[in-house]
Every structure is written in C-alpha cells, then in structure tokens.
Amino acid sequence: MLSNSIKFSNAGSRVEILTYQNTQNGLVLKVVDQGIGIENDIVQAILEPFSRVTTSPLDGTYEGTGLGLSIVNALVEAHEATLDIERIPGTGTTVTVTFPPELTLEN
C-alpha cells in the first residue's frame, strides 16, 4: 500500500500512514496519498495479480509486476479484514484496511 502510494505520487506531494484502534472496528490502517488517483472502473482490476492498468497520462513511467495491491488484498482476506479504496482521480487515494476487533492487540 505504501509503496504504491509513493510510486504514484509526484515529488513533493504528501503520503500519510494513519493507524488507530477502537472497540467497534478493531485496528484500522490507512495510507493516504495525493497521487494520480484510481479511476472507478479499474478498482477491481488492480486487485488481480499481474494487473497493470494503464489509464493515466503518466502511463509507461512506472515499473512493477502488478502484484502490490493483489498481495495486499490476499493478506487482508487471510486475516478476515476488510479493504476499502477511496479514490478521487487526479487528486489522490485512501486505502484502508480494517482488522476485526478479535485480531487486535490488547493493552
């Protein structure tokens, strides 16, 4: 999640990592960027292995295998967590993973 946010953000833009825990939702991990964003119609495709969707004006400038978010998605499912992708094309993306309360650490 973090490497994709950095990869698809311009130099000088902001990438944030946020975490918090509450009794209702469990542990929440968010990565928020000001990158190129993700078009609504390709969200499911980018969760598939080896998917490299090219719909950005910056196409061809990024290296990778297309495994990043598919691995994140598989790990999320394996931990019975949820994955949510909020996107505003051209403005940024927020990827949120929420782990169930029973999997979080106790104080």
C-alpha atoms as a PDB file:
ATOM      1  CA  MET A   1       0.000   0.000   0.000  1.00  0.00           C
ATOM      2  CA  LEU A   2       2.710   2.423   0.975  1.00  0.00           C
ATOM      3  CA  SER A   3       4.977   1.692  -1.980  1.00  0.00           C
ATOM      4  CA  ASN A   4       2.093   2.157  -4.430  1.00  0.00           C
ATOM      5  CA  SER A   5       1.170   5.472  -2.819  1.00  0.00           C
ATOM      6  CA  ILE A   6       4.726   6.704  -3.113  1.00  0.00           C
ATOM      7  CA  LYS A   7       5.161   5.350  -6.640  1.00  0.00           C
ATOM      8  CA  PHE A   8       2.033   7.049  -7.966  1.00  0.00           C
ATOM      9  CA  SER A   9       2.560  10.384  -6.218  1.00  0.00           C
ATOM     10  CA  ASN A  10       4.531  13.305  -7.582  1.00  0.00           C
ATOM     11  CA  ALA A  11       7.690  14.514  -5.877  1.00  0.00           C
ATOM     12  CA  GLY A  12       6.828  16.842  -3.024  1.00  0.00           C
ATOM     13  CA  SER A  13       3.303  15.509  -2.535  1.00  0.00           C
ATOM     14  CA  ARG A  14       2.183  14.091   0.786  1.00  0.00           C
ATOM     15  CA  VAL A  15       1.740  10.411   1.726  1.00  0.00           C
ATOM     16  CA  GLU A  16       0.397   9.661   5.214  1.00  0.00           C
ATOM     17  CA  ILE A  17       0.160   6.448   7.237  1.00  0.00           C
ATOM     18  CA  LEU A  18      -2.559   6.501   9.880  1.00  0.00           C
ATOM     19  CA  THR A  19      -3.386   3.816  12.431  1.00  0.00           C
ATOM     20  CA  TYR A  20      -5.878   3.675  15.238  1.00  0.00           C
ATOM     21  CA  GLN A  21      -7.742   1.100  17.248  1.00  0.00           C
ATOM     22  CA  ASN A  22     -11.268   1.129  18.576  1.00  0.00           C
ATOM     23  CA  THR A  23     -13.524  -1.497  20.094  1.00  0.00           C
ATOM     24  CA  GLN A  24     -16.110  -1.363  17.309  1.00  0.00           C
ATOM     25  CA  ASN A  25     -13.915  -1.697  14.228  1.00  0.00           C
ATOM     26  CA  GLY A  26     -10.685  -3.129  15.552  1.00  0.00           C
ATOM     27  CA  LEU A  27      -7.356  -1.957  14.179  1.00  0.00           C
ATOM     28  CA  VAL A  28      -7.511   0.437  11.240  1.00  0.00           C
ATOM     29  CA  LEU A  29      -4.566   1.120   8.923  1.00  0.00           C
ATOM     30  CA  LYS A  30      -4.841   3.873   6.320  1.00  0.00           C
ATOM     31  CA  VAL A  31      -2.481   5.054   3.627  1.00  0.00           C
ATOM     32  CA  VAL A  32      -3.497   8.427   2.205  1.00  0.00           C
ATOM     33  CA  ASP A  33      -1.792   9.990  -0.791  1.00  0.00           C
ATOM     34  CA  GLN A  34      -2.087  12.947  -3.129  1.00  0.00           C
ATOM     35  CA  GLY A  35      -1.163  10.869  -6.144  1.00  0.00           C
ATOM     36  CA  ILE A  36      -2.764  10.368  -9.535  1.00  0.00           C
ATOM     37  CA  GLY A  37      -5.763   8.550  -8.062  1.00  0.00           C
ATOM     38  CA  ILE A  38      -7.529   5.477  -9.358  1.00  0.00           C
ATOM     39  CA  GLU A  39     -10.351   5.532 -11.880  1.00  0.00           C
ATOM     40  CA  ASN A  40     -13.590   3.991 -10.541  1.00  0.00           C
ATOM     41  CA  ASP A  41     -13.863   1.422 -13.329  1.00  0.00           C
ATOM     42  CA  ILE A  42     -10.457  -0.185 -12.662  1.00  0.00           C
ATOM     43  CA  VAL A  43     -10.556  -0.749  -8.900  1.00  0.00           C
ATOM     44  CA  GLN A  44     -11.434  -4.456  -9.150  1.00  0.00           C
ATOM     45  CA  ALA A  45      -8.876  -4.999 -11.912  1.00  0.00           C
ATOM     46  CA  ILE A  46      -5.971  -3.633  -9.856  1.00  0.00           C
ATOM     47  CA  LEU A  47      -6.707  -6.173  -7.122  1.00  0.00           C
ATOM     48  CA  GLU A  48      -5.981  -9.026  -9.555  1.00  0.00           C
ATOM     49  CA  PRO A  49      -2.439 -10.467  -9.776  1.00  0.00           C
ATOM     50  CA  PHE A  50      -0.224  -9.062 -12.534  1.00  0.00           C
ATOM     51  CA  SER A  51      -2.754  -6.367 -13.363  1.00  0.00           C
ATOM     52  CA  ARG A  52      -1.132  -3.213 -14.661  1.00  0.00           C
ATOM     53  CA  VAL A  53      -3.939  -0.951 -15.730  1.00  0.00           C
ATOM     54  CA  THR A  54      -2.816   1.905 -17.919  1.00  0.00           C
ATOM     55  CA  THR A  55      -5.309   4.731 -17.918  1.00  0.00           C
ATOM     56  CA  SER A  56      -3.156   7.545 -16.591  1.00  0.00           C
ATOM     57  CA  PRO A  57      -1.479  10.297 -18.583  1.00  0.00           C
ATOM     58  CA  LEU A  58       1.673   9.131 -16.790  1.00  0.00           C
ATOM     59  CA  ASP A  59       1.448   5.593 -18.237  1.00  0.00           C
ATOM     60  CA  GLY A  60       4.660   3.830 -19.003  1.00  0.00           C
ATOM     61  CA  THR A  61       6.659   5.697 -16.382  1.00  0.00           C
ATOM     62  CA  TYR A  62       6.154   3.172 -13.569  1.00  0.00           C
ATOM     63  CA  GLU A  63       7.876  -0.150 -13.126  1.00  0.00           C
ATOM     64  CA  GLY A  64       6.379  -3.123 -11.351  1.00  0.00           C
ATOM     65  CA  THR A  65       4.799  -6.520 -11.743  1.00  0.00           C
ATOM     66  CA  GLY A  66       1.239  -5.583 -10.884  1.00  0.00           C
ATOM     67  CA  LEU A  67       1.309  -7.643  -7.691  1.00  0.00           C
ATOM     68  CA  GLY A  68       1.291  -4.950  -4.983  1.00  0.00           C
ATOM     69  CA  LEU A  69      -2.415  -4.497  -4.311  1.00  0.00           C
ATOM     70  CA  SER A  70      -3.269  -8.108  -5.139  1.00  0.00           C
ATOM     71  CA  ILE A  71      -0.883  -9.226  -2.371  1.00  0.00           C
ATOM     72  CA  VAL A  72      -2.393  -6.653  -0.010  1.00  0.00           C
ATOM     73  CA  ASN A  73      -5.863  -7.943  -0.899  1.00  0.00           C
ATOM     74  CA  ALA A  74      -4.848 -11.583  -0.285  1.00  0.00           C
ATOM     75  CA  LEU A  75      -3.334 -10.721   3.109  1.00  0.00           C
ATOM     76  CA  VAL A  76      -6.427  -8.739   4.050  1.00  0.00           C
ATOM     77  CA  GLU A  77      -8.675 -11.694   3.195  1.00  0.00           C
ATOM     78  CA  ALA A  78      -6.404 -14.138   5.054  1.00  0.00           C
ATOM     79  CA  HIS A  79      -6.758 -12.039   8.218  1.00  0.00           C
ATOM     80  CA  GLU A  80     -10.532 -11.664   7.793  1.00  0.00           C
ATOM     81  CA  ALA A  81     -10.036  -7.925   7.461  1.00  0.00           C
ATOM     82  CA  THR A  82     -11.658  -5.528   5.013  1.00  0.00           C
ATOM     83  CA  LEU A  83     -10.098  -3.409   2.285  1.00  0.00           C
ATOM     84  CA  ASP A  84     -11.606  -0.133   1.173  1.00  0.00           C
ATOM     85  CA  ILE A  85     -10.260   2.086  -1.582  1.00  0.00           C
ATOM     86  CA  GLU A  86     -11.491   5.678  -1.676  1.00  0.00           C
ATOM     87  CA  ARG A  87     -10.370   7.480  -4.774  1.00  0.00           C
ATOM     88  CA  ILE A  88     -10.563  10.808  -6.452  1.00  0.00           C
ATOM     89  CA  PRO A  89      -8.871  10.526  -9.865  1.00  0.00           C
ATOM     90  CA  GLY A  90      -6.229  13.198 -10.260  1.00  0.00           C
ATOM     91  CA  THR A  91      -6.391  14.101  -6.557  1.00  0.00           C
ATOM     92  CA  GLY A  92      -5.407  11.063  -4.516  1.00  0.00           C
ATOM     93  CA  THR A  93      -6.318   7.758  -2.948  1.00  0.00           C
ATOM     94  CA  THR A  94      -7.008   6.471   0.551  1.00  0.00           C
ATOM     95  CA  VAL A  95      -6.574   2.744   1.096  1.00  0.00           C
ATOM     96  CA  THR A  96      -7.992   1.491   4.405  1.00  0.00           C
ATOM     97  CA  VAL A  97      -7.535  -1.937   5.961  1.00  0.00           C
ATOM     98  CA  THR A  98      -9.705  -2.719   8.975  1.00  0.00           C
ATOM     99  CA  PHE A  99      -8.853  -5.746  11.083  1.00  0.00           C
ATOM    100  CA  PRO A 100     -11.654  -7.254  13.184  1.00  0.00           C
ATOM    101  CA  PRO A 101     -11.527  -6.457  16.933  1.00  0.00           C
ATOM    102  CA  GLU A 102     -10.740 -10.055  17.859  1.00  0.00           C
ATOM    103  CA  LEU A 103      -7.436  -9.852  15.941  1.00  0.00           C
ATOM    104  CA  THR A 104      -6.151  -6.662  17.578  1.00  0.00           C
ATOM    105  CA  LEU A 105      -3.632  -6.377  20.379  1.00  0.00           C
ATOM    106  CA  GLU A 106      -4.770  -5.894  23.942  1.00  0.00           C
ATOM    107  CA  ASN A 107      -3.212  -3.194  26.151  1.00  0.00           C
END
